[in-house]
Amino acid sequence: MKKRVLGLICFCVGCGMLMVIIIPALGWILTSAAVFILVGWLLVCGDD
């Protein structure tokens, strides 16, 4: 479970880096929101 959460965080940060290149101001805001939503969802609906 921890590997899955860490993998999602890394994936979102990587996507965020691409977004920062394209949309400097909104990239990190959107990525942070996505990370918190995904991690929260995994912690609530986690299987461990």
PDB file of N, CA and C in Angstrom:
ATOM      1  N   MET A   1       0.827  -1.200   0.000  1.00  0.00           N
ATOM      2  CA  MET A   1       0.000   0.000   0.000  1.00  0.00           C
ATOM      3  C   MET A   1       0.865   1.255   0.000  1.00  0.00           C
ATOM      4  N   LYS A   2       1.928   1.257   0.822  1.00  0.00           N
ATOM      5  CA  LYS A   2       2.799   2.431   0.869  1.00  0.00           C
ATOM      6  C   LYS A   2       3.482   2.666  -0.471  1.00  0.00           C
ATOM      7  N   LYS A   3       3.861   1.588  -1.152  1.00  0.00           N
ATOM      8  CA  LYS A   3       4.492   1.742  -2.466  1.00  0.00           C
ATOM      9  C   LYS A   3       3.514   2.353  -3.459  1.00  0.00           C
ATOM     10  N   ARG A   4       2.246   1.980  -3.350  1.00  0.00           N
ATOM     11  CA  ARG A   4       1.241   2.514  -4.265  1.00  0.00           C
ATOM     12  C   ARG A   4       1.047   4.013  -4.037  1.00  0.00           C
ATOM     13  N   VAL A   5       0.982   4.423  -2.779  1.00  0.00           N
ATOM     14  CA  VAL A   5       0.830   5.845  -2.464  1.00  0.00           C
ATOM     15  C   VAL A   5       2.056   6.617  -2.923  1.00  0.00           C
ATOM     16  N   LEU A   6       3.240   6.096  -2.632  1.00  0.00           N
ATOM     17  CA  LEU A   6       4.474   6.766  -3.039  1.00  0.00           C
ATOM     18  C   LEU A   6       4.570   6.852  -4.553  1.00  0.00           C
ATOM     19  N   GLY A   7       4.159   5.805  -5.233  1.00  0.00           N
ATOM     20  CA  GLY A   7       4.163   5.822  -6.693  1.00  0.00           C
ATOM     21  C   GLY A   7       3.228   6.873  -7.255  1.00  0.00           C
ATOM     22  N   LEU A   8       2.042   7.003  -6.664  1.00  0.00           N
ATOM     23  CA  LEU A   8       1.100   8.024  -7.119  1.00  0.00           C
ATOM     24  C   LEU A   8       1.639   9.423  -6.869  1.00  0.00           C
ATOM     25  N   ILE A   9       2.272   9.630  -5.721  1.00  0.00           N
ATOM     26  CA  ILE A   9       2.846  10.942  -5.428  1.00  0.00           C
ATOM     27  C   ILE A   9       3.932  11.276  -6.449  1.00  0.00           C
ATOM     28  N   CYS A  10       4.808  10.323  -6.716  1.00  0.00           N
ATOM     29  CA  CYS A  10       5.871  10.554  -7.700  1.00  0.00           C
ATOM     30  C   CYS A  10       5.289  10.828  -9.080  1.00  0.00           C
ATOM     31  N   PHE A  11       4.259  10.091  -9.452  1.00  0.00           N
ATOM     32  CA  PHE A  11       3.612  10.297 -10.745  1.00  0.00           C
ATOM     33  C   PHE A  11       3.024  11.703 -10.834  1.00  0.00           C
ATOM     34  N   CYS A  12       2.340  12.123  -9.772  1.00  0.00           N
ATOM     35  CA  CYS A  12       1.724  13.449  -9.780  1.00  0.00           C
ATOM     36  C   CYS A  12       2.779  14.553  -9.791  1.00  0.00           C
ATOM     37  N   VAL A  13       3.867  14.361  -9.057  1.00  0.00           N
ATOM     38  CA  VAL A  13       4.937  15.358  -9.068  1.00  0.00           C
ATOM     39  C   VAL A  13       5.560  15.441 -10.457  1.00  0.00           C
ATOM     40  N   GLY A  14       5.753  14.306 -11.096  1.00  0.00           N
ATOM     41  CA  GLY A  14       6.289  14.302 -12.461  1.00  0.00           C
ATOM     42  C   GLY A  14       5.367  15.022 -13.426  1.00  0.00           C
ATOM     43  N   CYS A  15       4.065  14.748 -13.321  1.00  0.00           N
ATOM     44  CA  CYS A  15       3.098  15.465 -14.160  1.00  0.00           C
ATOM     45  C   CYS A  15       3.121  16.948 -13.837  1.00  0.00           C
ATOM     46  N   GLY A  16       3.288  17.272 -12.572  1.00  0.00           N
ATOM     47  CA  GLY A  16       3.354  18.677 -12.155  1.00  0.00           C
ATOM     48  C   GLY A  16       4.545  19.392 -12.769  1.00  0.00           C
ATOM     49  N   MET A  17       5.669  18.712 -12.843  1.00  0.00           N
ATOM     50  CA  MET A  17       6.848  19.323 -13.455  1.00  0.00           C
ATOM     51  C   MET A  17       6.586  19.643 -14.918  1.00  0.00           C
ATOM     52  N   LEU A  18       5.901  18.743 -15.613  1.00  0.00           N
ATOM     53  CA  LEU A  18       5.541  19.026 -17.002  1.00  0.00           C
ATOM     54  C   LEU A  18       4.576  20.201 -17.082  1.00  0.00           C
ATOM     55  N   MET A  19       3.627  20.272 -16.154  1.00  0.00           N
ATOM     56  CA  MET A  19       2.655  21.362 -16.150  1.00  0.00           C
ATOM     57  C   MET A  19       3.324  22.696 -15.851  1.00  0.00           C
ATOM     58  N   VAL A  20       4.350  22.682 -14.996  1.00  0.00           N
ATOM     59  CA  VAL A  20       5.065  23.918 -14.668  1.00  0.00           C
ATOM     60  C   VAL A  20       5.733  24.490 -15.911  1.00  0.00           C
ATOM     61  N   ILE A  21       6.209  23.614 -16.782  1.00  0.00           N
ATOM     62  CA  ILE A  21       6.826  24.085 -18.017  1.00  0.00           C
ATOM     63  C   ILE A  21       5.776  24.752 -18.906  1.00  0.00           C
ATOM     64  N   ILE A  22       4.563  24.168 -18.926  1.00  0.00           N
ATOM     65  CA  ILE A  22       3.507  24.673 -19.801  1.00  0.00           C
ATOM     66  C   ILE A  22       2.750  25.833 -19.159  1.00  0.00           C
ATOM     67  N   ILE A  23       2.322  25.649 -17.904  1.00  0.00           N
ATOM     68  CA  ILE A  23       1.518  26.662 -17.203  1.00  0.00           C
ATOM     69  C   ILE A  23       2.199  26.942 -15.863  1.00  0.00           C
ATOM     70  N   PRO A  24       3.100  27.906 -15.806  1.00  0.00           N
ATOM     71  CA  PRO A  24       3.927  28.094 -14.606  1.00  0.00           C
ATOM     72  C   PRO A  24       3.155  28.287 -13.305  1.00  0.00           C
ATOM     73  N   ALA A  25       2.146  29.134 -13.282  1.00  0.00           N
ATOM     74  CA  ALA A  25       1.481  29.455 -12.022  1.00  0.00           C
ATOM     75  C   ALA A  25       0.538  28.346 -11.570  1.00  0.00           C
ATOM     76  N   LEU A  26      -0.243  27.807 -12.492  1.00  0.00           N
ATOM     77  CA  LEU A  26      -1.280  26.852 -12.113  1.00  0.00           C
ATOM     78  C   LEU A  26      -0.772  25.420 -11.999  1.00  0.00           C
ATOM     79  N   GLY A  27       0.389  25.138 -12.552  1.00  0.00           N
ATOM     80  CA  GLY A  27       0.891  23.766 -12.564  1.00  0.00           C
ATOM     81  C   GLY A  27       1.006  23.147 -11.179  1.00  0.00           C
ATOM     82  N   TRP A  28       1.683  23.843 -10.264  1.00  0.00           N
ATOM     83  CA  TRP A  28       1.883  23.278  -8.929  1.00  0.00           C
ATOM     84  C   TRP A  28       0.600  23.276  -8.119  1.00  0.00           C
ATOM     85  N   ILE A  29      -0.264  24.255  -8.336  1.00  0.00           N
ATOM     86  CA  ILE A  29      -1.538  24.289  -7.613  1.00  0.00           C
ATOM     87  C   ILE A  29      -2.375  23.070  -7.986  1.00  0.00           C
ATOM     88  N   LEU A  30      -2.498  22.806  -9.272  1.00  0.00           N
ATOM     89  CA  LEU A  30      -3.283  21.658  -9.729  1.00  0.00           C
ATOM     90  C   LEU A  30      -2.658  20.344  -9.275  1.00  0.00           C
ATOM     91  N   THR A  31      -1.340  20.260  -9.326  1.00  0.00           N
ATOM     92  CA  THR A  31      -0.667  19.034  -8.920  1.00  0.00           C
ATOM     93  C   THR A  31      -0.822  18.783  -7.430  1.00  0.00           C
ATOM     94  N   SER A  32      -0.671  19.834  -6.628  1.00  0.00           N
ATOM     95  CA  SER A  32      -0.845  19.679  -5.185  1.00  0.00           C
ATOM     96  C   SER A  32      -2.252  19.213  -4.861  1.00  0.00           C
ATOM     97  N   ALA A  33      -3.231  19.797  -5.523  1.00  0.00           N
ATOM     98  CA  ALA A  33      -4.618  19.383  -5.303  1.00  0.00           C
ATOM     99  C   ALA A  33      -4.798  17.916  -5.687  1.00  0.00           C
ATOM    100  N   ALA A  34      -4.245  17.517  -6.827  1.00  0.00           N
ATOM    101  CA  ALA A  34      -4.375  16.132  -7.274  1.00  0.00           C
ATOM    102  C   ALA A  34      -3.705  15.172  -6.296  1.00  0.00           C
ATOM    103  N   VAL A  35      -2.528  15.537  -5.799  1.00  0.00           N
ATOM    104  CA  VAL A  35      -1.817  14.672  -4.855  1.00  0.00           C
ATOM    105  C   VAL A  35      -2.629  14.490  -3.583  1.00  0.00           C
ATOM    106  N   PHE A  36      -3.136  15.589  -3.027  1.00  0.00           N
ATOM    107  CA  PHE A  36      -3.898  15.481  -1.787  1.00  0.00           C
ATOM    108  C   PHE A  36      -5.188  14.690  -1.983  1.00  0.00           C
ATOM    109  N   ILE A  37      -5.859  14.891  -3.099  1.00  0.00           N
ATOM    110  CA  ILE A  37      -7.092  14.145  -3.368  1.00  0.00           C
ATOM    111  C   ILE A  37      -6.794  12.657  -3.520  1.00  0.00           C
ATOM    112  N   LEU A  38      -5.774  12.314  -4.303  1.00  0.00           N
ATOM    113  CA  LEU A  38      -5.453  10.906  -4.524  1.00  0.00           C
ATOM    114  C   LEU A  38      -4.964  10.217  -3.257  1.00  0.00           C
ATOM    115  N   VAL A  39      -4.086  10.877  -2.511  1.00  0.00           N
ATOM    116  CA  VAL A  39      -3.585  10.272  -1.280  1.00  0.00           C
ATOM    117  C   VAL A  39      -4.714  10.117  -0.270  1.00  0.00           C
ATOM    118  N   GLY A  40      -5.551  11.129  -0.145  1.00  0.00           N
ATOM    119  CA  GLY A  40      -6.695  11.034   0.758  1.00  0.00           C
ATOM    120  C   GLY A  40      -7.622   9.902   0.373  1.00  0.00           C
ATOM    121  N   TRP A  41      -7.888   9.759  -0.910  1.00  0.00           N
ATOM    122  CA  TRP A  41      -8.765   8.687  -1.395  1.00  0.00           C
ATOM    123  C   TRP A  41      -8.156   7.320  -1.108  1.00  0.00           C
ATOM    124  N   LEU A  42      -6.841   7.194  -1.343  1.00  0.00           N
ATOM    125  CA  LEU A  42      -6.190   5.914  -1.083  1.00  0.00           C
ATOM    126  C   LEU A  42      -6.177   5.581   0.403  1.00  0.00           C
ATOM    127  N   LEU A  43      -5.988   6.589   1.252  1.00  0.00           N
ATOM    128  CA  LEU A  43      -5.980   6.327   2.685  1.00  0.00           C
ATOM    129  C   LEU A  43      -7.366   5.945   3.186  1.00  0.00           C
ATOM    130  N   VAL A  44      -8.395   6.546   2.619  1.00  0.00           N
ATOM    131  CA  VAL A  44      -9.763   6.224   3.031  1.00  0.00           C
ATOM    132  C   VAL A  44     -10.189   4.866   2.488  1.00  0.00           C
ATOM    133  N   CYS A  45      -9.901   4.621   1.223  1.00  0.00           N
ATOM    134  CA  CYS A  45     -10.354   3.386   0.563  1.00  0.00           C
ATOM    135  C   CYS A  45      -9.254   2.338   0.482  1.00  0.00           C
ATOM    136  N   GLY A  46      -8.189   2.512   1.247  1.00  0.00           N
ATOM    137  CA  GLY A  46      -7.047   1.600   1.173  1.00  0.00           C
ATOM    138  C   GLY A  46      -7.409   0.184   1.553  1.00  0.00           C
ATOM    139  N   ASP A  47      -6.596  -0.753   1.083  1.00  0.00           N
ATOM    140  CA  ASP A  47      -6.893  -2.161   1.315  1.00  0.00           C
ATOM    141  C   ASP A  47      -6.009  -2.773   2.395  1.00  0.00           C
ATOM    142  N   ASP A  48      -5.360  -1.947   3.234  1.00  0.00           N
ATOM    143  CA  ASP A  48      -4.534  -2.558   4.283  1.00  0.00           C
ATOM    144  C   ASP A  48      -4.941  -2.154   5.668  1.00  0.00           C
TER     145      ASP A  48
END
